[in-house]
């Protein structure tokens, strides 16, 4: 599931270089306010998990998002 998530995350951002769990996604060159909406939409569509703004504000790494999905999916 982790590899598929990383692939979907990279595709959502149209990021050509691989995405790693430890990456600070806000530091990506591709990251902007539209990216936020794209990632939130991808998470909702692919995993059925809604991340509200308060939770997302506290997330820093790709792994933070992934772990939130796992927690909410359980």
PDB file of N, CA and C in Angstrom:
ATOM      1  N   UNK A   1       0.820  -1.190   0.000  1.00  0.00           N
ATOM      2  CA  UNK A   1       0.000   0.000   0.000  1.00  0.00           C
ATOM      3  C   UNK A   1       0.869   1.261   0.000  1.00  0.00           C
ATOM      4  N   UNK A   2       1.999   1.191   0.670  1.00  0.00           N
ATOM      5  CA  UNK A   2       2.886   2.349   0.766  1.00  0.00           C
ATOM      6  C   UNK A   2       3.402   2.782  -0.601  1.00  0.00           C
ATOM      7  N   UNK A   3       3.843   1.833  -1.405  1.00  0.00           N
ATOM      8  CA  UNK A   3       4.369   2.163  -2.731  1.00  0.00           C
ATOM      9  C   UNK A   3       3.299   2.773  -3.623  1.00  0.00           C
ATOM     10  N   UNK A   4       2.097   2.229  -3.570  1.00  0.00           N
ATOM     11  CA  UNK A   4       0.996   2.757  -4.362  1.00  0.00           C
ATOM     12  C   UNK A   4       0.655   4.181  -3.922  1.00  0.00           C
ATOM     13  N   UNK A   5       0.649   4.422  -2.610  1.00  0.00           N
ATOM     14  CA  UNK A   5       0.390   5.761  -2.100  1.00  0.00           C
ATOM     15  C   UNK A   5       1.436   6.745  -2.618  1.00  0.00           C
ATOM     16  N   UNK A   6       2.710   6.374  -2.553  1.00  0.00           N
ATOM     17  CA  UNK A   6       3.779   7.256  -3.041  1.00  0.00           C
ATOM     18  C   UNK A   6       3.612   7.554  -4.525  1.00  0.00           C
ATOM     19  N   UNK A   7       3.230   6.543  -5.283  1.00  0.00           N
ATOM     20  CA  UNK A   7       3.016   6.730  -6.718  1.00  0.00           C
ATOM     21  C   UNK A   7       1.853   7.697  -6.960  1.00  0.00           C
ATOM     22  N   UNK A   8       0.746   7.499  -6.258  1.00  0.00           N
ATOM     23  CA  UNK A   8      -0.421   8.383  -6.415  1.00  0.00           C
ATOM     24  C   UNK A   8      -0.103   9.806  -5.982  1.00  0.00           C
ATOM     25  N   UNK A   9       0.663   9.948  -4.925  1.00  0.00           N
ATOM     26  CA  UNK A   9       1.051  11.265  -4.430  1.00  0.00           C
ATOM     27  C   UNK A   9       1.877  11.998  -5.480  1.00  0.00           C
ATOM     28  N   UNK A  10       2.847  11.299  -6.047  1.00  0.00           N
ATOM     29  CA  UNK A  10       3.698  11.896  -7.084  1.00  0.00           C
ATOM     30  C   UNK A  10       2.872  12.261  -8.317  1.00  0.00           C
ATOM     31  N   UNK A  11       1.989  11.381  -8.724  1.00  0.00           N
ATOM     32  CA  UNK A  11       1.143  11.654  -9.893  1.00  0.00           C
ATOM     33  C   UNK A  11       0.237  12.853  -9.657  1.00  0.00           C
ATOM     34  N   UNK A  12      -0.316  12.958  -8.458  1.00  0.00           N
ATOM     35  CA  UNK A  12      -1.211  14.066  -8.136  1.00  0.00           C
ATOM     36  C   UNK A  12      -0.493  15.404  -8.243  1.00  0.00           C
ATOM     37  N   UNK A  13       0.781  15.420  -7.888  1.00  0.00           N
ATOM     38  CA  UNK A  13       1.567  16.651  -7.958  1.00  0.00           C
ATOM     39  C   UNK A  13       2.270  16.824  -9.294  1.00  0.00           C
ATOM     40  N   UNK A  14       2.116  15.817 -10.163  1.00  0.00           N
ATOM     41  CA  UNK A  14       2.835  15.800 -11.438  1.00  0.00           C
ATOM     42  C   UNK A  14       4.333  15.966 -11.186  1.00  0.00           C
ATOM     43  N   UNK A  15       4.806  15.255 -10.163  1.00  0.00           N
ATOM     44  CA  UNK A  15       6.210  15.301  -9.755  1.00  0.00           C
ATOM     45  C   UNK A  15       6.970  14.203 -10.468  1.00  0.00           C
ATOM     46  N   UNK A  16       7.977  14.603 -11.210  1.00  0.00           N
ATOM     47  CA  UNK A  16       8.735  13.639 -12.011  1.00  0.00           C
ATOM     48  C   UNK A  16       9.734  12.849 -11.174  1.00  0.00           C
ATOM     49  N   UNK A  17      10.316  13.476 -10.178  1.00  0.00           N
ATOM     50  CA  UNK A  17      11.267  12.795  -9.305  1.00  0.00           C
ATOM     51  C   UNK A  17      10.487  12.105  -8.205  1.00  0.00           C
ATOM     52  N   UNK A  18      10.940  10.939  -7.794  1.00  0.00           N
ATOM     53  CA  UNK A  18      10.219  10.142  -6.816  1.00  0.00           C
ATOM     54  C   UNK A  18       9.917  10.855  -5.511  1.00  0.00           C
ATOM     55  N   UNK A  19       8.865  10.407  -4.875  1.00  0.00           N
ATOM     56  CA  UNK A  19       8.436  10.921  -3.584  1.00  0.00           C
ATOM     57  C   UNK A  19       8.836   9.900  -2.525  1.00  0.00           C
ATOM     58  N   UNK A  20       9.357  10.386  -1.401  1.00  0.00           N
ATOM     59  CA  UNK A  20       9.750   9.503  -0.301  1.00  0.00           C
ATOM     60  C   UNK A  20       8.934   9.854   0.935  1.00  0.00           C
ATOM     61  N   UNK A  21       8.738   8.889   1.787  1.00  0.00           N
ATOM     62  CA  UNK A  21       7.935   9.083   2.990  1.00  0.00           C
ATOM     63  C   UNK A  21       8.475  10.197   3.872  1.00  0.00           C
ATOM     64  N   UNK A  22       9.788  10.323   3.950  1.00  0.00           N
ATOM     65  CA  UNK A  22      10.376  11.313   4.853  1.00  0.00           C
ATOM     66  C   UNK A  22      10.417  12.728   4.272  1.00  0.00           C
ATOM     67  N   UNK A  23       9.983  12.888   3.032  1.00  0.00           N
ATOM     68  CA  UNK A  23       9.996  14.203   2.388  1.00  0.00           C
ATOM     69  C   UNK A  23       9.055  15.184   3.068  1.00  0.00           C
ATOM     70  N   UNK A  24       9.511  16.418   3.208  1.00  0.00           N
ATOM     71  CA  UNK A  24       8.652  17.520   3.643  1.00  0.00           C
ATOM     72  C   UNK A  24       7.962  18.028   2.381  1.00  0.00           C
ATOM     73  N   UNK A  25       6.708  17.629   2.194  1.00  0.00           N
ATOM     74  CA  UNK A  25       6.020  17.915   0.933  1.00  0.00           C
ATOM     75  C   UNK A  25       5.857  19.408   0.673  1.00  0.00           C
ATOM     76  N   UNK A  26       5.847  20.209   1.714  1.00  0.00           N
ATOM     77  CA  UNK A  26       5.709  21.662   1.529  1.00  0.00           C
ATOM     78  C   UNK A  26       6.958  22.286   0.915  1.00  0.00           C
ATOM     79  N   UNK A  27       8.058  21.530   0.930  1.00  0.00           N
ATOM     80  CA  UNK A  27       9.310  22.005   0.343  1.00  0.00           C
ATOM     81  C   UNK A  27       9.440  21.654  -1.143  1.00  0.00           C
ATOM     82  N   UNK A  28       8.506  20.876  -1.671  1.00  0.00           N
ATOM     83  CA  UNK A  28       8.549  20.522  -3.085  1.00  0.00           C
ATOM     84  C   UNK A  28       8.395  21.779  -3.943  1.00  0.00           C
ATOM     85  N   UNK A  29       9.152  21.825  -4.994  1.00  0.00           N
ATOM     86  CA  UNK A  29       9.050  22.933  -5.945  1.00  0.00           C
ATOM     87  C   UNK A  29       7.630  23.033  -6.501  1.00  0.00           C
ATOM     88  N   UNK A  30       6.973  21.894  -6.648  1.00  0.00           N
ATOM     89  CA  UNK A  30       5.625  21.830  -7.223  1.00  0.00           C
ATOM     90  C   UNK A  30       4.532  22.242  -6.232  1.00  0.00           C
ATOM     91  N   UNK A  31       4.868  22.400  -4.950  1.00  0.00           N
ATOM     92  CA  UNK A  31       3.849  22.634  -3.927  1.00  0.00           C
ATOM     93  C   UNK A  31       3.327  24.069  -3.967  1.00  0.00           C
ATOM     94  N   UNK A  32       2.012  24.185  -3.989  1.00  0.00           N
ATOM     95  CA  UNK A  32       1.337  25.481  -3.894  1.00  0.00           C
ATOM     96  C   UNK A  32      -0.071  25.230  -3.365  1.00  0.00           C
ATOM     97  N   UNK A  33      -0.889  26.254  -3.311  1.00  0.00           N
ATOM     98  CA  UNK A  33      -2.232  26.096  -2.741  1.00  0.00           C
ATOM     99  C   UNK A  33      -3.096  25.138  -3.549  1.00  0.00           C
ATOM    100  N   UNK A  34      -2.899  25.096  -4.847  1.00  0.00           N
ATOM    101  CA  UNK A  34      -3.644  24.152  -5.678  1.00  0.00           C
ATOM    102  C   UNK A  34      -3.220  22.714  -5.361  1.00  0.00           C
ATOM    103  N   UNK A  35      -1.944  22.515  -5.079  1.00  0.00           N
ATOM    104  CA  UNK A  35      -1.448  21.183  -4.715  1.00  0.00           C
ATOM    105  C   UNK A  35      -2.146  20.651  -3.478  1.00  0.00           C
ATOM    106  N   UNK A  36      -2.392  21.532  -2.532  1.00  0.00           N
ATOM    107  CA  UNK A  36      -3.102  21.147  -1.322  1.00  0.00           C
ATOM    108  C   UNK A  36      -4.461  20.559  -1.675  1.00  0.00           C
ATOM    109  N   UNK A  37      -5.199  21.246  -2.526  1.00  0.00           N
ATOM    110  CA  UNK A  37      -6.522  20.764  -2.928  1.00  0.00           C
ATOM    111  C   UNK A  37      -6.441  19.455  -3.696  1.00  0.00           C
ATOM    112  N   UNK A  38      -5.442  19.336  -4.544  1.00  0.00           N
ATOM    113  CA  UNK A  38      -5.264  18.114  -5.332  1.00  0.00           C
ATOM    114  C   UNK A  38      -4.977  16.924  -4.413  1.00  0.00           C
ATOM    115  N   UNK A  39      -4.105  17.111  -3.443  1.00  0.00           N
ATOM    116  CA  UNK A  39      -3.763  16.021  -2.527  1.00  0.00           C
ATOM    117  C   UNK A  39      -4.969  15.650  -1.655  1.00  0.00           C
ATOM    118  N   UNK A  40      -5.668  16.643  -1.140  1.00  0.00           N
ATOM    119  CA  UNK A  40      -6.853  16.347  -0.327  1.00  0.00           C
ATOM    120  C   UNK A  40      -7.898  15.594  -1.137  1.00  0.00           C
ATOM    121  N   UNK A  41      -8.069  15.980  -2.383  1.00  0.00           N
ATOM    122  CA  UNK A  41      -9.017  15.305  -3.263  1.00  0.00           C
ATOM    123  C   UNK A  41      -8.578  13.871  -3.554  1.00  0.00           C
ATOM    124  N   UNK A  42      -7.292  13.689  -3.830  1.00  0.00           N
ATOM    125  CA  UNK A  42      -6.759  12.350  -4.113  1.00  0.00           C
ATOM    126  C   UNK A  42      -6.970  11.430  -2.916  1.00  0.00           C
ATOM    127  N   UNK A  43      -6.687  11.923  -1.721  1.00  0.00           N
ATOM    128  CA  UNK A  43      -6.841  11.121  -0.506  1.00  0.00           C
ATOM    129  C   UNK A  43      -8.309  10.732  -0.308  1.00  0.00           C
ATOM    130  N   UNK A  44      -9.197  11.678  -0.546  1.00  0.00           N
ATOM    131  CA  UNK A  44     -10.627  11.391  -0.405  1.00  0.00           C
ATOM    132  C   UNK A  44     -11.097  10.402  -1.467  1.00  0.00           C
ATOM    133  N   UNK A  45     -10.721  10.624  -2.726  1.00  0.00           N
ATOM    134  CA  UNK A  45     -11.159   9.753  -3.821  1.00  0.00           C
ATOM    135  C   UNK A  45     -10.584   8.340  -3.720  1.00  0.00           C
ATOM    136  N   UNK A  46      -9.290   8.240  -3.456  1.00  0.00           N
ATOM    137  CA  UNK A  46      -8.608   6.940  -3.484  1.00  0.00           C
ATOM    138  C   UNK A  46      -8.767   6.145  -2.186  1.00  0.00           C
ATOM    139  N   UNK A  47      -8.881   6.851  -1.058  1.00  0.00           N
ATOM    140  CA  UNK A  47      -8.870   6.156   0.230  1.00  0.00           C
ATOM    141  C   UNK A  47     -10.127   6.400   1.060  1.00  0.00           C
ATOM    142  N   UNK A  48     -11.007   7.289   0.594  1.00  0.00           N
ATOM    143  CA  UNK A  48     -12.230   7.570   1.327  1.00  0.00           C
ATOM    144  C   UNK A  48     -11.983   8.245   2.665  1.00  0.00           C
ATOM    145  N   UNK A  49     -10.883   8.987   2.753  1.00  0.00           N
ATOM    146  CA  UNK A  49     -10.500   9.654   3.988  1.00  0.00           C
ATOM    147  C   UNK A  49     -10.513  11.163   3.755  1.00  0.00           C
ATOM    148  N   UNK A  50     -11.199  11.854   4.651  1.00  0.00           N
ATOM    149  CA  UNK A  50     -11.255  13.312   4.573  1.00  0.00           C
ATOM    150  C   UNK A  50     -10.291  13.889   5.607  1.00  0.00           C
ATOM    151  N   UNK A  51      -9.376  14.730   5.152  1.00  0.00           N
ATOM    152  CA  UNK A  51      -8.443  15.391   6.066  1.00  0.00           C
ATOM    153  C   UNK A  51      -8.899  16.834   6.206  1.00  0.00           C
ATOM    154  N   UNK A  52      -9.276  17.220   7.428  1.00  0.00           N
ATOM    155  CA  UNK A  52      -9.714  18.604   7.601  1.00  0.00           C
ATOM    156  C   UNK A  52      -8.495  19.531   7.718  1.00  0.00           C
ATOM    157  N   UNK A  53      -8.738  20.804   7.567  1.00  0.00           N
ATOM    158  CA  UNK A  53      -7.671  21.801   7.521  1.00  0.00           C
ATOM    159  C   UNK A  53      -6.829  21.801   8.797  1.00  0.00           C
ATOM    160  N   UNK A  54      -7.456  21.607   9.951  1.00  0.00           N
ATOM    161  CA  UNK A  54      -6.711  21.605  11.213  1.00  0.00           C
ATOM    162  C   UNK A  54      -5.704  20.459  11.274  1.00  0.00           C
ATOM    163  N   UNK A  55      -6.123  19.265  10.856  1.00  0.00           N
ATOM    164  CA  UNK A  55      -5.199  18.132  10.839  1.00  0.00           C
ATOM    165  C   UNK A  55      -4.102  18.345   9.802  1.00  0.00           C
ATOM    166  N   UNK A  56      -4.493  18.822   8.627  1.00  0.00           N
ATOM    167  CA  UNK A  56      -3.501  18.980   7.564  1.00  0.00           C
ATOM    168  C   UNK A  56      -2.448  20.017   7.937  1.00  0.00           C
ATOM    169  N   UNK A  57      -2.840  21.051   8.634  1.00  0.00           N
ATOM    170  CA  UNK A  57      -1.890  22.099   9.032  1.00  0.00           C
ATOM    171  C   UNK A  57      -0.758  21.538   9.890  1.00  0.00           C
ATOM    172  N   UNK A  58      -1.035  20.480  10.639  1.00  0.00           N
ATOM    173  CA  UNK A  58      -0.022  19.870  11.489  1.00  0.00           C
ATOM    174  C   UNK A  58       0.838  18.832  10.798  1.00  0.00           C
ATOM    175  N   UNK A  59       0.518  18.523   9.561  1.00  0.00           N
ATOM    176  CA  UNK A  59       1.284  17.517   8.816  1.00  0.00           C
ATOM    177  C   UNK A  59       2.461  18.168   8.109  1.00  0.00           C
ATOM    178  N   UNK A  60       3.596  17.467   8.156  1.00  0.00           N
ATOM    179  CA  UNK A  60       4.806  18.017   7.548  1.00  0.00           C
ATOM    180  C   UNK A  60       5.373  17.095   6.471  1.00  0.00           C
ATOM    181  N   UNK A  61       5.335  15.806   6.732  1.00  0.00           N
ATOM    182  CA  UNK A  61       5.938  14.862   5.797  1.00  0.00           C
ATOM    183  C   UNK A  61       4.872  14.054   5.062  1.00  0.00           C
ATOM    184  N   UNK A  62       5.298  13.437   3.983  1.00  0.00           N
ATOM    185  CA  UNK A  62       4.416  12.543   3.235  1.00  0.00           C
ATOM    186  C   UNK A  62       3.951  11.419   4.155  1.00  0.00           C
ATOM    187  N   UNK A  63       4.838  10.961   5.028  1.00  0.00           N
ATOM    188  CA  UNK A  63       4.502   9.894   5.969  1.00  0.00           C
ATOM    189  C   UNK A  63       3.381  10.316   6.916  1.00  0.00           C
ATOM    190  N   UNK A  64       3.347  11.583   7.309  1.00  0.00           N
ATOM    191  CA  UNK A  64       2.268  12.071   8.181  1.00  0.00           C
ATOM    192  C   UNK A  64       0.908  11.858   7.509  1.00  0.00           C
ATOM    193  N   UNK A  65       0.822  12.154   6.233  1.00  0.00           N
ATOM    194  CA  UNK A  65      -0.427  11.979   5.489  1.00  0.00           C
ATOM    195  C   UNK A  65      -0.770  10.496   5.390  1.00  0.00           C
ATOM    196  N   UNK A  66       0.221   9.687   5.043  1.00  0.00           N
ATOM    197  CA  UNK A  66       0.022   8.246   4.913  1.00  0.00           C
ATOM    198  C   UNK A  66      -0.462   7.637   6.231  1.00  0.00           C
ATOM    199  N   UNK A  67       0.188   7.988   7.331  1.00  0.00           N
ATOM    200  CA  UNK A  67      -0.200   7.435   8.635  1.00  0.00           C
ATOM    201  C   UNK A  67      -1.611   7.876   9.031  1.00  0.00           C
ATOM    202  N   UNK A  68      -2.001   9.096   8.671  1.00  0.00           N
ATOM    203  CA  UNK A  68      -3.355   9.561   8.945  1.00  0.00           C
ATOM    204  C   UNK A  68      -4.362   8.703   8.182  1.00  0.00           C
ATOM    205  N   UNK A  69      -4.052   8.406   6.931  1.00  0.00           N
ATOM    206  CA  UNK A  69      -4.930   7.553   6.115  1.00  0.00           C
ATOM    207  C   UNK A  69      -5.068   6.175   6.738  1.00  0.00           C
ATOM    208  N   UNK A  70      -3.956   5.591   7.146  1.00  0.00           N
ATOM    209  CA  UNK A  70      -3.961   4.254   7.766  1.00  0.00           C
ATOM    210  C   UNK A  70      -4.812   4.278   9.030  1.00  0.00           C
ATOM    211  N   UNK A  71      -4.616   5.300   9.849  1.00  0.00           N
ATOM    212  CA  UNK A  71      -5.348   5.413  11.115  1.00  0.00           C
ATOM    213  C   UNK A  71      -6.854   5.523  10.854  1.00  0.00           C
ATOM    214  N   UNK A  72      -7.244   6.349   9.898  1.00  0.00           N
ATOM    215  CA  UNK A  72      -8.654   6.568   9.631  1.00  0.00           C
ATOM    216  C   UNK A  72      -9.300   5.398   8.893  1.00  0.00           C
ATOM    217  N   UNK A  73      -8.493   4.618   8.192  1.00  0.00           N
ATOM    218  CA  UNK A  73      -9.010   3.480   7.431  1.00  0.00           C
ATOM    219  C   UNK A  73      -9.226   2.253   8.301  1.00  0.00           C
ATOM    220  N   UNK A  74      -8.573   2.236   9.456  1.00  0.00           N
ATOM    221  CA  UNK A  74      -8.631   1.053  10.332  1.00  0.00           C
ATOM    222  C   UNK A  74      -9.963   0.901  11.019  1.00  0.00           C
TER     223      UNK A  74
END
